[in-house]
Amino acid sequence: MVRFLTLGLLFLASAMAAGQATAQTVNVTVQNQQSQTIYVAFTLGNGQAPGAINWGTCSGSVSNNQVAIAAGTSCNAVVPSSSGSSRFCASTSSMATPNCYQAQTNHQTMIETTFGAGSTNCYPTTQASCVWYDISLIPSNCTDPLWQSQNYCSNTGGAAYNLPVQLSCQGQPTYTCQGPPGSTYGNSGYPTNCGNPGATCTGNSANCVNAYFHPMFVPPYSSYQPNAQCPAGATLQITFLAGP
């Protein structure tokens, strides 16, 4: 009798642990410092819209797979760690078909995220959950060779940029990218206050790389990735800044 009771307790503990493992989540706060309402969407890497996300107290403002965040307010969201590769994007008007994997074509600033737990995407692998984050402005047809040879990817579709944004996580790198758009790097309309895409450092400085202006797959660019991990227990802060 004791043996069967012990086995039953072990089975229950195992089931509870498995349930907890599959229920791991990551906290994300989205703040709107614009003077108008913005509409924010979240899309998984396979292009499905939307990705699973709980917008918390802002859930009542969700319509057509996007949340409306009023000027000067924020929303505290919870994202399953199983979401993997994904994106956030936003607009100042409601998106007819909110899909952040169409953001390059729609010239929307891309907040790229990769959620994970344990040995899936997290480092160290002992973490209960994590999320990697970066800002991408890459034009639709921009490549590293065209960045080098074609005046910073001029005439390759135009920068994926519509709203200024800052990504941060306590104790981790902050990345800030804001306009106005300019001609410092060709004719793609890259935002002018978004770091230096040719720098040999990353982080929240005008002299460092703060966002992906081009893929950065090949040396020397591949050594300076503006990408960071928000570890277990921390909150990824996405702030849509005031201004252009």
Protein backbone atom coordinates (compact mmCIF):
# COMPACT_ATOMS: atom_id res chain seq x y z
CA MET A 1 0.00 0.00 0.00
CA VAL A 2 2.78 2.41 0.94
CA ARG A 3 4.63 1.50 -2.26
CA PHE A 4 1.64 2.36 -4.43
CA LEU A 5 1.03 5.58 -2.47
CA THR A 6 4.68 6.59 -2.95
CA LEU A 7 4.47 5.88 -6.68
CA GLY A 8 1.26 7.89 -6.86
CA LEU A 9 2.87 10.87 -5.14
CA LEU A 10 5.88 10.68 -7.43
CA PHE A 11 3.60 10.61 -10.47
CA LEU A 12 1.66 13.61 -9.16
CA ALA A 13 4.87 15.57 -8.48
CA SER A 14 6.15 14.73 -11.94
CA ALA A 15 2.90 15.83 -13.56
CA MET A 16 2.91 19.09 -11.60
CA ALA A 17 6.53 19.78 -12.62
CA ALA A 18 5.68 19.11 -16.24
CA GLY A 19 2.71 21.44 -16.00
CA GLN A 20 4.89 24.17 -14.53
CA ALA A 21 7.51 23.69 -17.23
CA THR A 22 4.95 24.12 -19.99
CA ALA A 23 3.44 27.16 -18.26
CA GLN A 24 6.63 29.28 -18.12
CA THR A 25 6.06 32.88 -19.18
CA VAL A 26 7.93 36.15 -19.71
CA ASN A 27 6.71 39.59 -18.62
CA VAL A 28 6.67 42.36 -21.22
CA THR A 29 5.63 45.96 -20.59
CA VAL A 30 4.69 48.16 -23.56
CA GLN A 31 4.62 51.90 -22.88
CA ASN A 32 3.25 54.60 -25.19
CA GLN A 33 4.94 58.00 -24.83
CA GLN A 34 3.43 59.24 -28.07
CA SER A 35 0.76 61.96 -28.01
CA GLN A 36 -1.75 59.65 -29.67
CA THR A 37 -3.06 56.10 -29.33
CA ILE A 38 -0.91 53.36 -30.85
CA TYR A 39 -1.95 49.86 -31.93
CA VAL A 40 0.45 47.05 -31.07
CA ALA A 41 0.53 43.53 -32.52
CA PHE A 42 2.52 40.41 -31.67
CA THR A 43 3.28 37.76 -34.31
CA LEU A 44 5.04 34.41 -34.17
CA GLY A 45 7.97 33.53 -36.42
CA ASN A 46 5.93 31.36 -38.77
CA GLY A 47 3.95 34.45 -39.75
CA GLN A 48 0.84 33.47 -37.85
CA ALA A 49 -1.05 36.39 -36.39
CA PRO A 50 -1.43 36.74 -33.54
CA GLY A 51 1.03 35.04 -31.24
CA ALA A 52 -0.31 33.92 -27.87
CA ILE A 53 -0.10 36.87 -25.49
CA ASN A 54 -2.06 37.98 -22.42
CA TRP A 55 -2.39 41.76 -22.37
CA GLY A 56 -3.52 41.79 -18.72
CA THR A 57 -5.49 44.88 -17.74
CA CYS A 58 -5.32 46.03 -21.38
CA SER A 59 -7.12 42.91 -22.62
CA GLY A 60 -10.31 44.93 -22.95
CA SER A 61 -8.57 47.13 -25.51
CA VAL A 62 -7.74 44.24 -27.86
CA SER A 63 -9.55 44.13 -31.19
CA ASN A 64 -8.59 42.46 -34.45
CA ASN A 65 -5.49 40.91 -32.82
CA GLN A 66 -3.96 44.21 -31.68
CA VAL A 67 -4.08 46.21 -28.48
CA ALA A 68 -4.90 49.92 -28.43
CA ILE A 69 -2.62 51.74 -25.97
CA ALA A 70 -3.67 55.30 -25.21
CA ALA A 71 -1.19 58.19 -25.11
CA GLY A 72 0.86 58.23 -21.93
CA THR A 73 -0.21 54.77 -20.76
CA SER A 74 1.30 51.30 -20.67
CA CYS A 75 0.24 47.65 -20.78
CA ASN A 76 1.73 44.77 -18.82
CA ALA A 77 1.67 41.64 -20.95
CA VAL A 78 2.59 38.00 -20.37
CA VAL A 79 4.05 35.90 -23.20
CA PRO A 80 4.53 32.10 -23.17
CA SER A 81 8.20 31.14 -23.23
CA SER A 82 7.32 28.66 -25.98
CA SER A 83 6.70 31.54 -28.42
CA GLY A 84 10.24 31.32 -29.81
CA SER A 85 11.12 33.68 -32.68
CA SER A 86 8.57 36.49 -32.89
CA ARG A 87 8.00 40.20 -33.46
CA PHE A 88 6.16 43.17 -32.03
CA CYS A 89 5.18 46.08 -34.27
CA ALA A 90 2.94 49.12 -33.92
CA SER A 91 1.03 51.76 -35.85
CA THR A 92 -0.74 55.03 -35.07
CA SER A 93 -3.86 53.68 -36.80
CA SER A 94 -5.57 50.33 -36.46
CA MET A 95 -3.92 47.76 -38.73
CA ALA A 96 -6.30 46.06 -41.16
CA THR A 97 -4.25 42.86 -41.08
CA PRO A 98 -1.86 43.03 -38.11
CA ASN A 99 1.12 40.83 -39.00
CA CYS A 100 4.55 41.94 -37.83
CA TYR A 101 6.21 39.70 -40.40
CA GLN A 102 4.94 42.13 -43.02
CA ALA A 103 6.53 45.05 -41.17
CA GLN A 104 9.39 45.47 -43.65
CA THR A 105 6.95 45.87 -46.54
CA ASN A 106 4.79 48.18 -44.42
CA HIS A 107 7.81 50.22 -43.22
CA GLN A 108 7.10 49.53 -39.56
CA THR A 109 9.78 49.44 -36.87
CA MET A 110 10.43 45.80 -35.98
CA ILE A 111 10.91 44.72 -32.37
CA GLU A 112 12.39 41.25 -32.78
CA THR A 113 12.07 38.82 -29.87
CA THR A 114 13.06 35.22 -29.23
CA PHE A 115 11.39 33.67 -26.19
CA GLY A 116 12.64 30.50 -24.57
CA ALA A 117 12.99 28.35 -21.47
CA GLY A 118 15.77 26.10 -20.19
CA SER A 119 17.90 24.70 -22.99
CA THR A 120 15.62 26.27 -25.63
CA ASN A 121 17.11 29.67 -26.58
CA CYS A 122 18.23 30.64 -23.03
CA TYR A 123 21.79 31.05 -21.76
CA PRO A 124 22.62 29.75 -19.25
CA THR A 125 20.30 26.85 -19.95
CA THR A 126 19.21 26.58 -16.31
CA GLN A 127 16.90 29.59 -16.66
CA ALA A 128 13.17 29.04 -16.28
CA SER A 129 12.51 31.54 -19.08
CA CYS A 130 14.13 34.35 -21.07
CA VAL A 131 13.69 36.59 -24.09
CA TRP A 132 16.27 37.94 -26.54
CA TYR A 133 15.47 41.36 -27.99
CA ASP A 134 16.62 43.75 -30.73
CA ILE A 135 15.43 46.51 -33.07
CA SER A 136 15.49 45.95 -36.84
CA LEU A 137 15.14 48.56 -39.58
CA ILE A 138 16.40 46.38 -42.46
CA PRO A 139 14.86 47.27 -45.86
CA SER A 140 13.08 44.38 -47.58
CA ASN A 141 15.83 43.63 -50.11
CA CYS A 142 18.90 44.79 -48.18
CA THR A 143 21.89 42.45 -47.86
CA ASP A 144 25.36 42.86 -46.37
CA PRO A 145 27.00 43.11 -49.84
CA LEU A 146 24.48 45.80 -50.88
CA TRP A 147 25.14 47.69 -47.65
CA GLN A 148 28.81 47.79 -48.62
CA SER A 149 28.46 48.38 -52.35
CA GLN A 150 25.16 50.18 -52.90
CA ASN A 151 25.37 53.28 -50.72
CA TYR A 152 24.08 51.65 -47.53
CA CYS A 153 21.36 49.59 -49.24
CA SER A 154 19.87 52.52 -51.14
CA ASN A 155 16.95 51.56 -53.39
CA THR A 156 16.32 48.24 -51.63
CA GLY A 157 12.86 48.99 -50.25
CA GLY A 158 13.35 51.72 -47.66
CA ALA A 159 13.92 51.41 -43.92
CA ALA A 160 11.44 49.48 -41.79
CA TYR A 161 10.71 52.46 -39.58
CA ASN A 162 7.57 54.27 -38.50
CA LEU A 163 7.85 54.81 -34.73
CA PRO A 164 10.77 55.53 -32.38
CA VAL A 165 11.35 52.82 -29.81
CA GLN A 166 13.56 51.91 -26.86
CA LEU A 167 14.12 48.37 -25.59
CA SER A 168 15.44 47.77 -22.08
CA CYS A 169 15.67 45.18 -19.33
CA GLN A 170 17.03 45.72 -15.82
CA GLY A 171 20.78 45.12 -15.73
CA GLN A 172 20.91 44.44 -19.48
CA PRO A 173 21.72 46.57 -22.57
CA THR A 174 19.32 49.31 -23.65
CA TYR A 175 18.79 50.07 -27.34
CA THR A 176 17.28 53.38 -28.48
CA CYS A 177 16.23 54.21 -32.03
CA GLN A 178 14.42 57.36 -33.08
CA GLY A 179 14.15 59.81 -35.96
CA PRO A 180 13.69 61.96 -37.75
CA PRO A 181 14.50 59.91 -40.86
CA GLY A 182 17.46 61.27 -42.80
CA SER A 183 20.03 60.66 -45.52
CA THR A 184 23.11 59.90 -43.38
CA TYR A 185 23.03 56.31 -44.66
CA GLY A 186 21.83 56.46 -48.26
CA ASN A 187 18.26 57.11 -49.35
CA SER A 188 16.46 54.46 -47.29
CA GLY A 189 15.20 56.93 -44.69
CA TYR A 190 16.95 55.39 -41.69
CA PRO A 191 16.24 57.26 -38.42
CA THR A 192 19.05 59.68 -37.58
CA ASN A 193 19.17 59.08 -33.80
CA CYS A 194 19.72 55.34 -33.80
CA GLY A 195 23.38 54.85 -33.01
CA ASN A 196 26.14 54.15 -35.52
CA PRO A 197 25.62 50.99 -37.63
CA GLY A 198 29.32 50.95 -38.53
CA ALA A 199 30.61 51.05 -34.94
CA THR A 200 32.63 48.41 -33.12
CA CYS A 201 30.53 48.53 -29.95
CA THR A 202 26.90 47.93 -29.07
CA GLY A 203 24.63 49.62 -26.57
CA ASN A 204 22.75 52.78 -25.78
CA SER A 205 25.13 55.32 -27.27
CA ALA A 206 25.12 57.45 -30.39
CA ASN A 207 28.57 56.03 -31.10
CA CYS A 208 27.55 52.35 -30.88
CA VAL A 209 25.34 49.95 -32.83
CA ASN A 210 21.77 50.16 -31.51
CA ALA A 211 19.76 48.47 -34.26
CA TYR A 212 20.05 46.32 -37.37
CA PHE A 213 20.34 48.60 -40.40
CA HIS A 214 21.36 45.56 -42.49
CA PRO A 215 21.58 41.81 -41.74
CA MET A 216 25.09 41.93 -40.18
CA PHE A 217 25.77 38.27 -41.05
CA VAL A 218 29.32 38.71 -42.33
CA PRO A 219 32.54 40.03 -40.70
CA PRO A 220 33.27 42.54 -39.36
CA TYR A 221 29.59 43.24 -38.67
CA SER A 222 28.86 39.80 -37.22
CA SER A 223 31.03 40.61 -34.20
CA TYR A 224 28.85 43.53 -33.07
CA GLN A 225 25.28 42.31 -32.70
CA PRO A 226 22.79 44.76 -31.09
CA ASN A 227 20.97 41.85 -29.49
CA ALA A 228 20.61 41.08 -25.76
CA GLN A 229 18.91 38.64 -23.40
CA CYS A 230 16.38 39.59 -20.74
CA PRO A 231 16.81 36.81 -18.15
CA ALA A 232 14.35 34.88 -16.03
CA GLY A 233 12.37 37.02 -13.61
CA ALA A 234 13.08 40.28 -15.45
CA THR A 235 10.66 42.32 -17.57
CA LEU A 236 11.30 43.36 -21.15
CA GLN A 237 10.38 47.04 -21.46
CA ILE A 238 9.24 48.24 -24.90
CA THR A 239 8.84 52.02 -24.94
CA PHE A 240 7.45 53.81 -27.97
CA LEU A 241 9.05 57.21 -27.55
CA ALA A 242 7.64 60.67 -28.14
CA GLY A 243 8.77 62.40 -31.29
CA PRO A 244 9.41 61.31 -34.85
